[in-house]
């Protein structure tokens, strides 16, 4: 049971908008960039106008707190990004495409595409209808053959590799 979404007039652009249902009781500005900036400015003006907030970031005590933090965190604004956000450097190694696994026979080697296609119920049903078999082994073999044939038609795999 959903409640009907009431529209509200934006205090900045005066156009009607549907507020976010999670904050509908407090949202007075629409989602446009200019209106969001106006909302932020109004919010800051409101906060600063409250008693005691006007000098919140001023005064000797606050200056001392900021100076102590800067001494304990030297060069914080010059720090590099964490290693997880850096671009990974790749060595100039040529990929060995002809390399295959010696543990898995070629006919049993399966690719991610094989697994993905055989998980799609429509594809499995189509193969089952064409082959007349509902055995998963038969469907997997047929799916593999269809993929190889499609790759050959598109020129993705040479016929000698099949």
N, C-alpha and C. Protein backbone atom coordinates (compact mmCIF):
# COMPACT_ATOMS: atom_id res chain seq x y z
N UNK A 1 0.84 -1.18 0.00
CA UNK A 1 0.00 0.00 0.00
C UNK A 1 0.88 1.23 0.00
N UNK A 2 0.91 1.90 -1.09
CA UNK A 2 1.73 3.09 -1.18
C UNK A 2 0.87 4.33 -0.99
N UNK A 3 1.47 5.29 -0.35
CA UNK A 3 0.77 6.56 -0.18
C UNK A 3 0.95 7.38 -1.45
N UNK A 4 -0.05 8.18 -1.75
CA UNK A 4 0.08 9.03 -2.93
C UNK A 4 1.14 10.09 -2.64
N UNK A 5 2.02 10.30 -3.58
CA UNK A 5 3.09 11.25 -3.39
C UNK A 5 2.58 12.66 -3.64
N UNK A 6 2.70 13.50 -2.61
CA UNK A 6 2.24 14.87 -2.76
C UNK A 6 3.36 15.70 -3.37
N UNK A 7 2.97 16.63 -4.18
CA UNK A 7 3.95 17.50 -4.81
C UNK A 7 4.14 18.72 -3.93
N UNK A 8 5.32 19.29 -4.02
CA UNK A 8 5.66 20.45 -3.20
C UNK A 8 6.33 21.49 -4.09
N UNK A 9 6.18 22.75 -3.74
CA UNK A 9 6.76 23.84 -4.51
C UNK A 9 8.16 24.13 -3.97
N UNK A 10 9.14 24.18 -4.86
CA UNK A 10 10.53 24.45 -4.48
C UNK A 10 10.65 25.91 -4.03
N UNK A 11 11.37 26.13 -2.93
CA UNK A 11 11.55 27.48 -2.42
C UNK A 11 12.50 28.30 -3.28
N UNK A 12 13.27 27.67 -4.13
CA UNK A 12 14.23 28.39 -4.96
C UNK A 12 13.64 28.70 -6.34
N UNK A 13 13.26 27.67 -7.08
CA UNK A 13 12.80 27.87 -8.46
C UNK A 13 11.28 27.96 -8.58
N UNK A 14 10.55 27.72 -7.52
CA UNK A 14 9.08 27.80 -7.46
C UNK A 14 8.38 26.81 -8.38
N UNK A 15 9.08 25.75 -8.78
CA UNK A 15 8.44 24.71 -9.58
C UNK A 15 8.06 23.56 -8.67
N UNK A 16 7.02 22.82 -9.07
CA UNK A 16 6.57 21.71 -8.25
C UNK A 16 7.47 20.49 -8.47
N UNK A 17 7.70 19.75 -7.39
CA UNK A 17 8.51 18.53 -7.45
C UNK A 17 7.95 17.52 -6.46
N UNK A 18 8.32 16.27 -6.65
CA UNK A 18 7.91 15.20 -5.74
C UNK A 18 9.08 14.97 -4.78
N UNK A 19 8.88 15.21 -3.49
CA UNK A 19 9.99 15.05 -2.55
C UNK A 19 10.35 13.58 -2.34
N UNK A 20 11.58 13.37 -1.90
CA UNK A 20 12.05 12.03 -1.56
C UNK A 20 11.18 11.50 -0.42
N UNK A 21 10.61 10.31 -0.55
CA UNK A 21 9.70 9.81 0.49
C UNK A 21 10.35 9.65 1.86
N UNK A 22 11.68 9.48 1.89
CA UNK A 22 12.35 9.31 3.18
C UNK A 22 12.45 10.61 3.95
N UNK A 23 12.46 11.74 3.25
CA UNK A 23 12.60 13.04 3.91
C UNK A 23 11.52 14.01 3.48
N UNK A 24 10.38 13.49 3.08
CA UNK A 24 9.32 14.33 2.50
C UNK A 24 8.85 15.40 3.47
N UNK A 25 8.87 15.13 4.76
CA UNK A 25 8.37 16.12 5.72
C UNK A 25 9.33 17.29 5.89
N UNK A 26 10.60 17.14 5.51
CA UNK A 26 11.58 18.21 5.69
C UNK A 26 12.08 18.81 4.39
N UNK A 27 11.87 18.18 3.26
CA UNK A 27 12.44 18.64 2.00
C UNK A 27 11.64 19.82 1.45
N UNK A 28 12.34 20.93 1.23
CA UNK A 28 11.70 22.14 0.73
C UNK A 28 12.27 22.60 -0.61
N UNK A 29 13.34 21.95 -1.07
CA UNK A 29 13.99 22.33 -2.32
C UNK A 29 14.00 21.12 -3.24
N UNK A 30 13.96 21.37 -4.56
CA UNK A 30 13.97 20.27 -5.52
C UNK A 30 15.41 19.77 -5.72
N UNK A 31 15.59 18.88 -6.69
CA UNK A 31 16.87 18.19 -6.86
C UNK A 31 17.83 18.88 -7.83
N UNK A 32 17.45 20.02 -8.39
CA UNK A 32 18.33 20.73 -9.33
C UNK A 32 19.55 21.26 -8.59
N UNK A 33 20.67 21.37 -9.31
CA UNK A 33 21.93 21.77 -8.69
C UNK A 33 21.83 23.16 -8.05
N UNK A 34 21.24 24.11 -8.75
CA UNK A 34 21.12 25.46 -8.22
C UNK A 34 20.24 25.50 -6.97
N UNK A 35 19.20 24.70 -6.98
CA UNK A 35 18.30 24.65 -5.82
C UNK A 35 18.98 23.97 -4.63
N UNK A 36 19.80 22.96 -4.90
CA UNK A 36 20.54 22.32 -3.81
C UNK A 36 21.53 23.30 -3.18
N UNK A 37 22.17 24.13 -4.02
CA UNK A 37 23.09 25.14 -3.48
C UNK A 37 22.33 26.15 -2.63
N UNK A 38 21.16 26.57 -3.09
CA UNK A 38 20.35 27.51 -2.32
C UNK A 38 19.91 26.88 -1.00
N UNK A 39 19.60 25.59 -1.03
CA UNK A 39 19.21 24.88 0.18
C UNK A 39 20.36 24.85 1.19
N UNK A 40 21.56 24.57 0.70
CA UNK A 40 22.74 24.53 1.56
C UNK A 40 23.00 25.90 2.17
N UNK A 41 22.91 26.96 1.37
CA UNK A 41 23.14 28.31 1.87
C UNK A 41 22.11 28.69 2.93
N UNK A 42 20.85 28.34 2.67
CA UNK A 42 19.80 28.64 3.64
C UNK A 42 20.01 27.86 4.93
N UNK A 43 20.43 26.63 4.80
CA UNK A 43 20.69 25.80 5.98
C UNK A 43 21.82 26.37 6.82
N UNK A 44 22.89 26.82 6.15
CA UNK A 44 24.01 27.41 6.88
C UNK A 44 23.61 28.72 7.54
N UNK A 45 22.83 29.54 6.84
CA UNK A 45 22.36 30.79 7.45
C UNK A 45 21.51 30.51 8.68
N UNK A 46 20.64 29.52 8.58
CA UNK A 46 19.79 29.15 9.71
C UNK A 46 20.62 28.67 10.90
N UNK A 47 21.64 27.85 10.64
CA UNK A 47 22.47 27.31 11.71
C UNK A 47 23.27 28.44 12.38
N UNK A 48 23.83 29.35 11.57
CA UNK A 48 24.62 30.44 12.13
C UNK A 48 23.75 31.44 12.91
N UNK A 49 22.46 31.53 12.57
CA UNK A 49 21.60 32.49 13.25
C UNK A 49 21.19 32.00 14.64
N UNK A 50 21.38 30.72 14.94
CA UNK A 50 21.02 30.21 16.26
C UNK A 50 21.98 30.75 17.31
N UNK A 51 21.48 30.87 18.52
CA UNK A 51 22.25 31.42 19.62
C UNK A 51 23.46 30.52 19.92
N UNK A 52 24.66 31.11 19.93
CA UNK A 52 25.87 30.38 20.26
C UNK A 52 26.60 29.79 19.07
N UNK A 53 25.96 29.74 17.92
CA UNK A 53 26.62 29.16 16.75
C UNK A 53 27.41 30.17 15.94
N UNK A 54 27.19 31.45 16.16
CA UNK A 54 27.84 32.48 15.37
C UNK A 54 29.36 32.47 15.51
N UNK A 55 29.85 32.16 16.70
CA UNK A 55 31.29 32.15 16.94
C UNK A 55 31.81 30.73 17.12
N UNK A 56 31.13 29.78 16.56
CA UNK A 56 31.49 28.38 16.78
C UNK A 56 32.91 28.07 16.30
N UNK A 57 33.33 28.63 15.17
CA UNK A 57 34.64 28.34 14.61
C UNK A 57 35.64 29.47 14.88
N UNK A 58 35.31 30.38 15.78
CA UNK A 58 36.18 31.52 16.05
C UNK A 58 36.62 31.49 17.51
N UNK A 59 37.62 32.32 17.81
CA UNK A 59 38.06 32.45 19.18
C UNK A 59 39.39 31.74 19.41
N UNK A 60 40.05 32.10 20.50
CA UNK A 60 41.38 31.58 20.82
C UNK A 60 41.36 30.07 21.04
N UNK A 61 40.32 29.59 21.67
CA UNK A 61 40.23 28.15 21.95
C UNK A 61 40.14 27.35 20.65
N UNK A 62 39.34 27.80 19.71
CA UNK A 62 39.20 27.11 18.43
C UNK A 62 40.48 27.21 17.60
N UNK A 63 41.13 28.37 17.62
CA UNK A 63 42.38 28.53 16.89
C UNK A 63 43.43 27.56 17.44
N UNK A 64 43.52 27.44 18.75
CA UNK A 64 44.46 26.51 19.37
C UNK A 64 44.16 25.07 19.01
N UNK A 65 42.87 24.72 18.99
CA UNK A 65 42.48 23.35 18.62
C UNK A 65 42.90 23.03 17.19
N UNK A 66 42.67 23.97 16.27
CA UNK A 66 43.02 23.74 14.87
C UNK A 66 44.54 23.67 14.71
N UNK A 67 45.26 24.54 15.39
CA UNK A 67 46.72 24.52 15.29
C UNK A 67 47.30 23.21 15.83
N UNK A 68 46.74 22.72 16.93
CA UNK A 68 47.22 21.44 17.48
C UNK A 68 46.94 20.30 16.51
N UNK A 69 45.77 20.33 15.88
CA UNK A 69 45.45 19.27 14.92
C UNK A 69 46.39 19.32 13.72
N UNK A 70 46.70 20.52 13.24
CA UNK A 70 47.61 20.65 12.09
C UNK A 70 49.01 20.18 12.44
N UNK A 71 49.45 20.41 13.68
CA UNK A 71 50.77 19.92 14.09
C UNK A 71 50.80 18.40 14.14
N UNK A 72 49.72 17.80 14.57
CA UNK A 72 49.68 16.34 14.65
C UNK A 72 49.39 15.67 13.31
N UNK A 73 48.96 16.43 12.31
CA UNK A 73 48.68 15.90 10.97
C UNK A 73 49.40 16.74 9.92
N UNK A 74 50.71 16.70 9.89
CA UNK A 74 51.42 17.56 8.93
C UNK A 74 51.22 17.08 7.49
N UNK A 75 50.98 18.03 6.62
CA UNK A 75 50.85 17.73 5.20
C UNK A 75 49.65 16.88 4.84
N UNK A 76 48.57 16.93 5.62
CA UNK A 76 47.41 16.08 5.34
C UNK A 76 46.81 16.36 3.97
N UNK A 77 46.87 17.59 3.52
CA UNK A 77 46.28 17.94 2.23
C UNK A 77 47.18 17.57 1.07
N UNK A 78 48.44 17.22 1.35
CA UNK A 78 49.36 16.84 0.28
C UNK A 78 49.48 15.33 0.15
N UNK A 79 48.81 14.59 0.98
CA UNK A 79 48.93 13.13 0.94
C UNK A 79 48.39 12.58 -0.35
N UNK A 80 49.01 11.48 -0.77
CA UNK A 80 48.56 10.82 -1.99
C UNK A 80 47.33 9.98 -1.67
N UNK A 81 46.65 9.59 -2.73
CA UNK A 81 45.48 8.74 -2.57
C UNK A 81 45.92 7.40 -1.99
N UNK A 82 45.01 6.71 -1.30
CA UNK A 82 45.34 5.36 -0.83
C UNK A 82 45.67 4.45 -2.01
N UNK A 83 46.45 3.45 -1.74
CA UNK A 83 46.91 2.57 -2.82
C UNK A 83 45.76 1.90 -3.56
N UNK A 84 44.62 1.73 -2.91
CA UNK A 84 43.50 1.08 -3.58
C UNK A 84 42.89 1.95 -4.67
N UNK A 85 43.15 3.26 -4.64
CA UNK A 85 42.58 4.15 -5.64
C UNK A 85 43.59 4.51 -6.73
N UNK A 86 44.81 4.06 -6.61
CA UNK A 86 45.82 4.35 -7.62
C UNK A 86 45.62 3.46 -8.83
N UNK A 87 46.17 3.90 -9.94
CA UNK A 87 46.11 3.11 -11.16
C UNK A 87 47.17 2.03 -11.07
N UNK A 88 46.79 0.83 -11.39
CA UNK A 88 47.71 -0.30 -11.31
C UNK A 88 48.63 -0.29 -12.53
N UNK A 89 49.93 -0.41 -12.27
CA UNK A 89 50.91 -0.46 -13.35
C UNK A 89 51.04 -1.90 -13.80
N UNK A 90 50.90 -2.12 -15.10
CA UNK A 90 50.97 -3.46 -15.66
C UNK A 90 52.28 -3.60 -16.42
N UNK A 91 52.97 -4.71 -16.17
CA UNK A 91 54.22 -4.96 -16.88
C UNK A 91 53.92 -5.21 -18.35
N UNK A 92 54.89 -4.92 -19.19
CA UNK A 92 54.73 -5.14 -20.62
C UNK A 92 55.01 -6.59 -20.97
N UNK A 93 54.12 -7.46 -20.57
CA UNK A 93 54.25 -8.87 -20.88
C UNK A 93 53.18 -9.24 -21.90
N UNK A 94 53.61 -9.95 -22.92
CA UNK A 94 52.65 -10.40 -23.93
C UNK A 94 51.85 -11.56 -23.37
N UNK A 95 50.57 -11.57 -23.64
CA UNK A 95 49.72 -12.66 -23.18
C UNK A 95 49.97 -13.88 -24.04
N UNK A 96 50.06 -15.03 -23.38
CA UNK A 96 50.27 -16.28 -24.09
C UNK A 96 48.91 -16.91 -24.34
N UNK A 97 48.33 -16.66 -25.50
CA UNK A 97 46.98 -17.12 -25.81
C UNK A 97 46.94 -18.62 -26.04
N UNK A 98 48.03 -19.19 -26.56
CA UNK A 98 48.04 -20.61 -26.87
C UNK A 98 48.23 -21.48 -25.64
N UNK A 99 48.51 -20.88 -24.50
CA UNK A 99 48.74 -21.66 -23.29
C UNK A 99 47.43 -22.28 -22.82
N UNK A 100 47.50 -23.55 -22.46
CA UNK A 100 46.31 -24.21 -21.95
C UNK A 100 46.69 -24.99 -20.69
N UNK A 101 45.69 -25.40 -19.96
CA UNK A 101 45.93 -26.13 -18.73
C UNK A 101 46.26 -27.58 -19.05
N UNK A 102 47.27 -28.10 -18.37
CA UNK A 102 47.60 -29.52 -18.59
C UNK A 102 46.78 -30.41 -17.67
N UNK A 103 46.04 -29.83 -16.74
CA UNK A 103 45.25 -30.64 -15.80
C UNK A 103 43.85 -30.92 -16.31
N UNK A 104 43.35 -30.07 -17.21
CA UNK A 104 41.99 -30.22 -17.70
C UNK A 104 42.03 -30.53 -19.19
N UNK A 105 41.41 -31.62 -19.62
CA UNK A 105 41.36 -31.91 -21.06
C UNK A 105 40.64 -30.79 -21.80
N UNK A 106 41.01 -30.56 -23.06
CA UNK A 106 40.47 -29.45 -23.84
C UNK A 106 38.95 -29.54 -23.99
N UNK A 107 38.41 -30.73 -24.14
CA UNK A 107 36.97 -30.85 -24.35
C UNK A 107 36.17 -30.56 -23.08
N UNK A 108 36.83 -30.66 -21.90
CA UNK A 108 36.12 -30.39 -20.65
C UNK A 108 36.34 -28.95 -20.16
N UNK A 109 37.29 -28.24 -20.78
CA UNK A 109 37.55 -26.87 -20.35
C UNK A 109 36.34 -26.01 -20.66
N UNK A 110 35.89 -25.26 -19.65
CA UNK A 110 34.70 -24.43 -19.82
C UNK A 110 35.05 -23.00 -19.51
N UNK A 111 34.44 -22.10 -20.24
CA UNK A 111 34.67 -20.69 -20.01
C UNK A 111 33.52 -20.11 -19.20
N UNK A 112 33.71 -18.90 -18.75
CA UNK A 112 32.67 -18.22 -18.00
C UNK A 112 31.41 -18.05 -18.85
N UNK A 113 31.60 -17.80 -20.15
CA UNK A 113 30.44 -17.63 -21.02
C UNK A 113 29.61 -18.91 -21.08
N UNK A 114 30.29 -20.08 -21.08
CA UNK A 114 29.55 -21.33 -21.09
C UNK A 114 28.67 -21.43 -19.86
N UNK A 115 29.23 -21.14 -18.70
CA UNK A 115 28.48 -21.23 -17.46
C UNK A 115 27.34 -20.23 -17.42
N UNK A 116 27.59 -19.01 -17.89
CA UNK A 116 26.55 -17.99 -17.86
C UNK A 116 25.38 -18.35 -18.77
N UNK A 117 25.68 -18.82 -19.97
CA UNK A 117 24.60 -19.14 -20.90
C UNK A 117 23.78 -20.33 -20.42
N UNK A 118 24.43 -21.30 -19.81
CA UNK A 118 23.68 -22.47 -19.36
C UNK A 118 22.90 -22.19 -18.08
N UNK A 119 23.10 -21.02 -17.47
CA UNK A 119 22.31 -20.65 -16.30
C UNK A 119 21.04 -19.92 -16.70
N UNK A 120 20.94 -19.47 -17.95
CA UNK A 120 19.77 -18.75 -18.41
C UNK A 120 18.67 -19.76 -18.75
N UNK A 121 17.54 -19.71 -18.06
CA UNK A 121 16.47 -20.70 -18.28
C UNK A 121 15.95 -20.71 -19.72
N UNK A 122 15.89 -19.55 -20.37
CA UNK A 122 15.39 -19.52 -21.74
C UNK A 122 16.34 -20.25 -22.68
N UNK A 123 17.64 -20.05 -22.50
CA UNK A 123 18.63 -20.72 -23.33
C UNK A 123 18.60 -22.23 -23.11
N UNK A 124 18.50 -22.64 -21.85
CA UNK A 124 18.44 -24.07 -21.53
C UNK A 124 17.17 -24.68 -22.11
N UNK A 125 16.04 -23.97 -21.99
CA UNK A 125 14.79 -24.48 -22.56
C UNK A 125 14.85 -24.60 -24.06
N UNK A 126 15.47 -23.63 -24.73
CA UNK A 126 15.61 -23.67 -26.18
C UNK A 126 16.44 -24.88 -26.61
N UNK A 127 17.56 -25.10 -25.94
CA UNK A 127 18.40 -26.25 -26.27
C UNK A 127 17.65 -27.55 -26.02
N UNK A 128 16.90 -27.60 -24.94
CA UNK A 128 16.13 -28.80 -24.61
C UNK A 128 15.09 -29.08 -25.69
N UNK A 129 14.44 -28.03 -26.20
CA UNK A 129 13.45 -28.22 -27.25
C UNK A 129 14.10 -28.68 -28.55
N UNK A 130 15.26 -28.11 -28.89
CA UNK A 130 15.93 -28.46 -30.14
C UNK A 130 16.46 -29.89 -30.09
N UNK A 131 17.08 -30.26 -28.97
CA UNK A 131 17.70 -31.59 -28.87
C UNK A 131 16.69 -32.66 -28.47
N UNK A 132 15.61 -32.27 -27.83
CA UNK A 132 14.64 -33.25 -27.35
C UNK A 132 15.10 -33.94 -26.08
N UNK A 133 16.12 -33.41 -25.41
CA UNK A 133 16.65 -34.02 -24.20
C UNK A 133 16.57 -33.03 -23.05
N UNK A 134 16.33 -33.54 -21.86
CA UNK A 134 16.31 -32.69 -20.67
C UNK A 134 17.49 -32.99 -19.76
N UNK A 135 18.41 -33.83 -20.19
CA UNK A 135 19.58 -34.14 -19.38
C UNK A 135 20.56 -32.97 -19.41
N UNK A 136 21.07 -32.59 -18.25
CA UNK A 136 22.00 -31.47 -18.16
C UNK A 136 23.28 -31.73 -18.93
N UNK A 137 23.73 -32.96 -18.96
CA UNK A 137 24.96 -33.29 -19.69
C UNK A 137 24.78 -33.03 -21.18
N UNK A 138 23.63 -33.45 -21.74
CA UNK A 138 23.37 -33.22 -23.15
C UNK A 138 23.25 -31.72 -23.46
N UNK A 139 22.59 -30.99 -22.56
CA UNK A 139 22.41 -29.55 -22.75
C UNK A 139 23.76 -28.84 -22.71
N UNK A 140 24.66 -29.24 -21.79
CA UNK A 140 25.98 -28.61 -21.68
C UNK A 140 26.80 -28.87 -22.93
N UNK A 141 26.75 -30.10 -23.47
CA UNK A 141 27.51 -30.43 -24.68
C UNK A 141 26.98 -29.61 -25.85
N UNK A 142 25.67 -29.53 -25.98
CA UNK A 142 25.06 -28.77 -27.07
C UNK A 142 25.38 -27.28 -26.94
N UNK A 143 25.32 -26.76 -25.71
CA UNK A 143 25.63 -25.34 -25.50
C UNK A 143 27.07 -25.06 -25.89
N UNK A 144 27.98 -25.95 -25.56
CA UNK A 144 29.39 -25.78 -25.92
C UNK A 144 29.56 -25.79 -27.44
N UNK A 145 28.86 -26.70 -28.11
CA UNK A 145 28.95 -26.77 -29.57
C UNK A 145 28.37 -25.51 -30.23
N UNK A 146 27.25 -25.01 -29.68
CA UNK A 146 26.65 -23.79 -30.21
C UNK A 146 27.58 -22.59 -30.05
N UNK A 147 28.23 -22.51 -28.90
CA UNK A 147 29.16 -21.41 -28.67
C UNK A 147 30.34 -21.48 -29.63
N UNK A 148 30.89 -22.66 -29.82
CA UNK A 148 32.02 -22.82 -30.75
C UNK A 148 31.61 -22.46 -32.17
N UNK A 149 30.42 -22.91 -32.57
CA UNK A 149 29.95 -22.60 -33.92
C UNK A 149 29.74 -21.10 -34.09
N UNK A 150 29.16 -20.45 -33.07
CA UNK A 150 28.96 -19.00 -33.13
C UNK A 150 30.27 -18.24 -33.18
N UNK A 151 31.26 -18.70 -32.41
CA UNK A 151 32.57 -18.06 -32.45
C UNK A 151 33.22 -18.23 -33.81
N UNK A 152 33.06 -19.40 -34.42
CA UNK A 152 33.62 -19.63 -35.75
C UNK A 152 32.97 -18.71 -36.78
N UNK A 153 31.64 -18.56 -36.70
CA UNK A 153 30.92 -17.71 -37.65
C UNK A 153 31.38 -16.26 -37.50
N UNK A 154 31.55 -15.83 -36.27
CA UNK A 154 31.97 -14.44 -36.02
C UNK A 154 33.45 -14.22 -36.18
N UNK A 155 34.20 -15.29 -36.39
CA UNK A 155 35.64 -15.18 -36.59
C UNK A 155 36.41 -14.98 -35.30
N UNK A 156 35.82 -15.34 -34.17
CA UNK A 156 36.49 -15.17 -32.88
C UNK A 156 37.46 -16.32 -32.59
N UNK A 157 37.24 -17.47 -33.17
CA UNK A 157 38.11 -18.62 -32.95
C UNK A 157 38.35 -19.25 -34.30
N UNK A 158 39.60 -19.55 -34.57
CA UNK A 158 39.91 -20.21 -35.83
C UNK A 158 39.38 -21.63 -35.85
N UNK A 159 39.03 -22.17 -37.01
CA UNK A 159 38.48 -23.52 -37.10
C UNK A 159 39.46 -24.60 -36.63
N UNK A 160 40.78 -24.33 -36.70
CA UNK A 160 41.74 -25.34 -36.28
C UNK A 160 41.75 -25.53 -34.77
N UNK A 161 41.28 -24.53 -34.00
CA UNK A 161 41.27 -24.65 -32.54
C UNK A 161 40.05 -25.42 -32.06
N UNK A 162 39.09 -25.67 -32.91
CA UNK A 162 37.89 -26.37 -32.51
C UNK A 162 38.15 -27.86 -32.59
